[in-house]
Amino acid sequence: MTQSIQETQEELIEEFGLFDDWADKYEYLIDLGKKLPSLSEELKTEENVIKGCQSRVWLHAKKQGDQIIFEADSEAVIVKGLISMLIRVLSNHTAEEIMKADLYFIDQIGMSQHLAQTRSNGLLSMVKQMKNYALAFSAK
């Protein structure tokens, strides 16, 4: 059975809790980014670029049954790590679950305090874009 959005957030909070200092948390974030499969070149289009991110981030969504599947890529490893966490939490859920999701894990692992303002804004743009996709799919 698929984990709930909340369970996945709890899992990430636990994983980041294993590291005492921020250098290690950043390393882990970069590792997560490196593990994210690259987006195929034909999906790296202007319309898939998330507006409001300092680095280029491409986000693609498709619907499979009643679940939305997200794929993404970025030129920046830290950003790729951030989007990989969002994909892990939100992908393979219904539009309704995604739209209602309260993404508290970002604060709980300390991302909000430790990211530069521009990255924090970018992170919010990623979340907003994922929720917009969910909204669009739910309207179809």
C-alpha atoms as a PDB file:
ATOM      1  CA  MET A   1       0.000   0.000   0.000  1.00  0.00           C
ATOM      2  CA  THR A   2       1.175   3.504  -0.745  1.00  0.00           C
ATOM      3  CA  GLN A   3       2.306   5.510   2.247  1.00  0.00           C
ATOM      4  CA  SER A   4       0.243   8.518   3.173  1.00  0.00           C
ATOM      5  CA  ILE A   5       1.670  11.978   2.585  1.00  0.00           C
ATOM      6  CA  GLN A   6       1.989  12.336   6.346  1.00  0.00           C
ATOM      7  CA  GLU A   7       3.873   9.032   6.748  1.00  0.00           C
ATOM      8  CA  THR A   8       6.373  10.035   4.075  1.00  0.00           C
ATOM      9  CA  GLN A   9       6.904  13.409   5.758  1.00  0.00           C
ATOM     10  CA  GLU A  10       7.507  11.663   9.096  1.00  0.00           C
ATOM     11  CA  GLU A  11      10.047   9.395   7.382  1.00  0.00           C
ATOM     12  CA  LEU A  12      11.951  12.394   5.971  1.00  0.00           C
ATOM     13  CA  ILE A  13      11.905  14.164   9.353  1.00  0.00           C
ATOM     14  CA  GLU A  14      13.371  11.009  10.896  1.00  0.00           C
ATOM     15  CA  GLU A  15      16.052  10.685   8.196  1.00  0.00           C
ATOM     16  CA  PHE A  16      17.170  14.299   8.594  1.00  0.00           C
ATOM     17  CA  GLY A  17      17.061  13.865  12.370  1.00  0.00           C
ATOM     18  CA  LEU A  18      19.961  11.411  12.082  1.00  0.00           C
ATOM     19  CA  PHE A  19      22.313  14.285  11.237  1.00  0.00           C
ATOM     20  CA  ASP A  20      23.487  16.669  13.919  1.00  0.00           C
ATOM     21  CA  ASP A  21      24.900  19.452  11.842  1.00  0.00           C
ATOM     22  CA  TRP A  22      23.811  21.296   8.768  1.00  0.00           C
ATOM     23  CA  ALA A  23      26.780  20.335   6.646  1.00  0.00           C
ATOM     24  CA  ASP A  24      25.678  16.696   6.926  1.00  0.00           C
ATOM     25  CA  LYS A  25      22.049  17.572   6.184  1.00  0.00           C
ATOM     26  CA  TYR A  26      23.136  19.430   3.042  1.00  0.00           C
ATOM     27  CA  GLU A  27      25.233  16.425   2.003  1.00  0.00           C
ATOM     28  CA  TYR A  28      22.175  14.218   2.445  1.00  0.00           C
ATOM     29  CA  LEU A  29      20.039  16.656   0.455  1.00  0.00           C
ATOM     30  CA  ILE A  30      22.600  16.616  -2.361  1.00  0.00           C
ATOM     31  CA  ASP A  31      22.617  12.793  -2.282  1.00  0.00           C
ATOM     32  CA  LEU A  32      18.834  12.763  -2.608  1.00  0.00           C
ATOM     33  CA  GLY A  33      19.184  15.054  -5.610  1.00  0.00           C
ATOM     34  CA  LYS A  34      21.774  12.795  -7.221  1.00  0.00           C
ATOM     35  CA  LYS A  35      19.427   9.809  -6.834  1.00  0.00           C
ATOM     36  CA  LEU A  36      16.574  11.581  -8.608  1.00  0.00           C
ATOM     37  CA  PRO A  37      16.282  10.165 -12.137  1.00  0.00           C
ATOM     38  CA  SER A  38      17.034  12.752 -14.797  1.00  0.00           C
ATOM     39  CA  LEU A  39      14.121  14.137 -16.721  1.00  0.00           C
ATOM     40  CA  SER A  40      14.138  13.214 -20.390  1.00  0.00           C
ATOM     41  CA  GLU A  41      15.285  16.042 -22.654  1.00  0.00           C
ATOM     42  CA  GLU A  42      11.921  16.372 -24.415  1.00  0.00           C
ATOM     43  CA  LEU A  43      10.303  17.257 -21.072  1.00  0.00           C
ATOM     44  CA  LYS A  44      12.824  20.024 -20.385  1.00  0.00           C
ATOM     45  CA  THR A  45      10.622  22.596 -22.070  1.00  0.00           C
ATOM     46  CA  GLU A  46       9.931  26.207 -21.219  1.00  0.00           C
ATOM     47  CA  GLU A  47       6.378  25.337 -20.140  1.00  0.00           C
ATOM     48  CA  ASN A  48       7.737  22.821 -17.592  1.00  0.00           C
ATOM     49  CA  VAL A  49      10.074  25.377 -16.004  1.00  0.00           C
ATOM     50  CA  ILE A  50       8.943  26.501 -12.550  1.00  0.00           C
ATOM     51  CA  LYS A  51       8.728  30.264 -12.351  1.00  0.00           C
ATOM     52  CA  GLY A  52      10.177  31.816  -9.215  1.00  0.00           C
ATOM     53  CA  CYS A  53      13.169  29.528  -8.870  1.00  0.00           C
ATOM     54  CA  GLN A  54      16.667  30.919  -9.014  1.00  0.00           C
ATOM     55  CA  SER A  55      17.990  27.769 -10.677  1.00  0.00           C
ATOM     56  CA  ARG A  56      16.192  26.175 -13.590  1.00  0.00           C
ATOM     57  CA  VAL A  57      13.775  23.509 -12.398  1.00  0.00           C
ATOM     58  CA  TRP A  58      11.626  21.459 -14.723  1.00  0.00           C
ATOM     59  CA  LEU A  59       8.525  19.792 -13.344  1.00  0.00           C
ATOM     60  CA  HIS A  60       6.343  17.403 -15.279  1.00  0.00           C
ATOM     61  CA  ALA A  61       3.150  15.762 -14.052  1.00  0.00           C
ATOM     62  CA  LYS A  62       1.021  13.011 -15.515  1.00  0.00           C
ATOM     63  CA  LYS A  63      -2.048  11.224 -14.308  1.00  0.00           C
ATOM     64  CA  GLN A  64      -2.048   7.471 -13.955  1.00  0.00           C
ATOM     65  CA  GLY A  65      -5.420   6.157 -12.863  1.00  0.00           C
ATOM     66  CA  ASP A  66      -6.415   8.596 -10.129  1.00  0.00           C
ATOM     67  CA  GLN A  67      -2.818   9.189  -9.044  1.00  0.00           C
ATOM     68  CA  ILE A  68      -0.579  12.042 -10.138  1.00  0.00           C
ATOM     69  CA  ILE A  69       3.018  11.177 -10.919  1.00  0.00           C
ATOM     70  CA  PHE A  70       5.620  13.938 -10.771  1.00  0.00           C
ATOM     71  CA  GLU A  71       9.016  13.990 -12.454  1.00  0.00           C
ATOM     72  CA  ALA A  72      11.506  16.818 -12.165  1.00  0.00           C
ATOM     73  CA  ASP A  73      15.042  17.906 -12.763  1.00  0.00           C
ATOM     74  CA  SER A  74      17.264  20.868 -11.971  1.00  0.00           C
ATOM     75  CA  GLU A  75      20.705  22.151 -12.855  1.00  0.00           C
ATOM     76  CA  ALA A  76      21.471  22.797  -9.176  1.00  0.00           C
ATOM     77  CA  VAL A  77      22.113  19.771  -6.943  1.00  0.00           C
ATOM     78  CA  ILE A  78      20.590  21.281  -3.796  1.00  0.00           C
ATOM     79  CA  VAL A  79      17.461  22.269  -5.711  1.00  0.00           C
ATOM     80  CA  LYS A  80      17.308  18.776  -7.187  1.00  0.00           C
ATOM     81  CA  GLY A  81      17.445  17.447  -3.619  1.00  0.00           C
ATOM     82  CA  LEU A  82      14.576  19.722  -2.584  1.00  0.00           C
ATOM     83  CA  ILE A  83      12.360  18.743  -5.507  1.00  0.00           C
ATOM     84  CA  SER A  84      13.202  15.055  -4.962  1.00  0.00           C
ATOM     85  CA  MET A  85      11.798  15.333  -1.412  1.00  0.00           C
ATOM     86  CA  LEU A  86       8.628  16.996  -2.720  1.00  0.00           C
ATOM     87  CA  ILE A  87       8.228  14.261  -5.332  1.00  0.00           C
ATOM     88  CA  ARG A  88       8.704  11.594  -2.681  1.00  0.00           C
ATOM     89  CA  VAL A  89       6.008  13.195  -0.530  1.00  0.00           C
ATOM     90  CA  LEU A  90       3.462  14.169  -3.207  1.00  0.00           C
ATOM     91  CA  SER A  91       3.897  11.816  -6.162  1.00  0.00           C
ATOM     92  CA  ASN A  92       1.550   8.811  -6.494  1.00  0.00           C
ATOM     93  CA  HIS A  93      -1.280  10.512  -4.652  1.00  0.00           C
ATOM     94  CA  THR A  94      -4.651  11.767  -5.802  1.00  0.00           C
ATOM     95  CA  ALA A  95      -5.219  15.380  -6.815  1.00  0.00           C
ATOM     96  CA  GLU A  96      -7.340  15.897  -3.708  1.00  0.00           C
ATOM     97  CA  GLU A  97      -4.649  14.531  -1.356  1.00  0.00           C
ATOM     98  CA  ILE A  98      -2.019  16.746  -2.984  1.00  0.00           C
ATOM     99  CA  MET A  99      -4.170  19.880  -2.820  1.00  0.00           C
ATOM    100  CA  LYS A 100      -4.990  19.275   0.870  1.00  0.00           C
ATOM    101  CA  ALA A 101      -1.429  18.330   1.861  1.00  0.00           C
ATOM    102  CA  ASP A 102       0.056  20.336   4.690  1.00  0.00           C
ATOM    103  CA  LEU A 103       3.780  20.119   4.021  1.00  0.00           C
ATOM    104  CA  TYR A 104       5.089  20.578   7.549  1.00  0.00           C
ATOM    105  CA  PHE A 105       8.252  18.507   7.029  1.00  0.00           C
ATOM    106  CA  ILE A 106      10.045  21.454   5.396  1.00  0.00           C
ATOM    107  CA  ASP A 107       9.911  23.419   8.660  1.00  0.00           C
ATOM    108  CA  GLN A 108      10.476  20.393  10.858  1.00  0.00           C
ATOM    109  CA  ILE A 109      13.747  19.398   9.221  1.00  0.00           C
ATOM    110  CA  GLY A 110      14.851  23.011   9.484  1.00  0.00           C
ATOM    111  CA  MET A 111      14.912  23.787   5.763  1.00  0.00           C
ATOM    112  CA  SER A 112      13.046  27.060   6.187  1.00  0.00           C
ATOM    113  CA  GLN A 113      15.676  28.463   8.556  1.00  0.00           C
ATOM    114  CA  HIS A 114      18.707  27.183   6.665  1.00  0.00           C
ATOM    115  CA  LEU A 115      17.877  27.945   3.059  1.00  0.00           C
ATOM    116  CA  ALA A 116      18.734  31.276   1.517  1.00  0.00           C
ATOM    117  CA  GLN A 117      15.647  33.444   0.964  1.00  0.00           C
ATOM    118  CA  THR A 118      15.786  32.873  -2.807  1.00  0.00           C
ATOM    119  CA  ARG A 119      15.877  29.087  -2.331  1.00  0.00           C
ATOM    120  CA  SER A 120      13.004  29.241   0.167  1.00  0.00           C
ATOM    121  CA  ASN A 121      10.961  31.194  -2.365  1.00  0.00           C
ATOM    122  CA  GLY A 122      11.899  28.653  -5.012  1.00  0.00           C
ATOM    123  CA  LEU A 123      10.793  25.820  -2.738  1.00  0.00           C
ATOM    124  CA  LEU A 124       7.431  27.538  -2.253  1.00  0.00           C
ATOM    125  CA  SER A 125       7.144  27.951  -6.029  1.00  0.00           C
ATOM    126  CA  MET A 126       7.757  24.211  -6.484  1.00  0.00           C
ATOM    127  CA  VAL A 127       5.052  23.331  -3.954  1.00  0.00           C
ATOM    128  CA  LYS A 128       2.652  25.809  -5.542  1.00  0.00           C
ATOM    129  CA  GLN A 129       3.294  24.398  -9.016  1.00  0.00           C
ATOM    130  CA  MET A 130       2.700  20.815  -7.825  1.00  0.00           C
ATOM    131  CA  LYS A 131      -0.575  21.864  -6.205  1.00  0.00           C
ATOM    132  CA  ASN A 132      -1.547  23.739  -9.400  1.00  0.00           C
ATOM    133  CA  TYR A 133      -1.007  20.558 -11.418  1.00  0.00           C
ATOM    134  CA  ALA A 134      -3.209  18.682  -8.941  1.00  0.00           C
ATOM    135  CA  LEU A 135      -5.868  21.370  -9.289  1.00  0.00           C
ATOM    136  CA  ALA A 136      -5.712  21.194 -13.091  1.00  0.00           C
ATOM    137  CA  PHE A 137      -5.994  17.395 -13.073  1.00  0.00           C
ATOM    138  CA  SER A 138      -8.905  17.453 -10.637  1.00  0.00           C
ATOM    139  CA  ALA A 139     -10.775  19.865 -12.917  1.00  0.00           C
ATOM    140  CA  LYS A 140     -10.464  17.519 -15.936  1.00  0.00           C
END
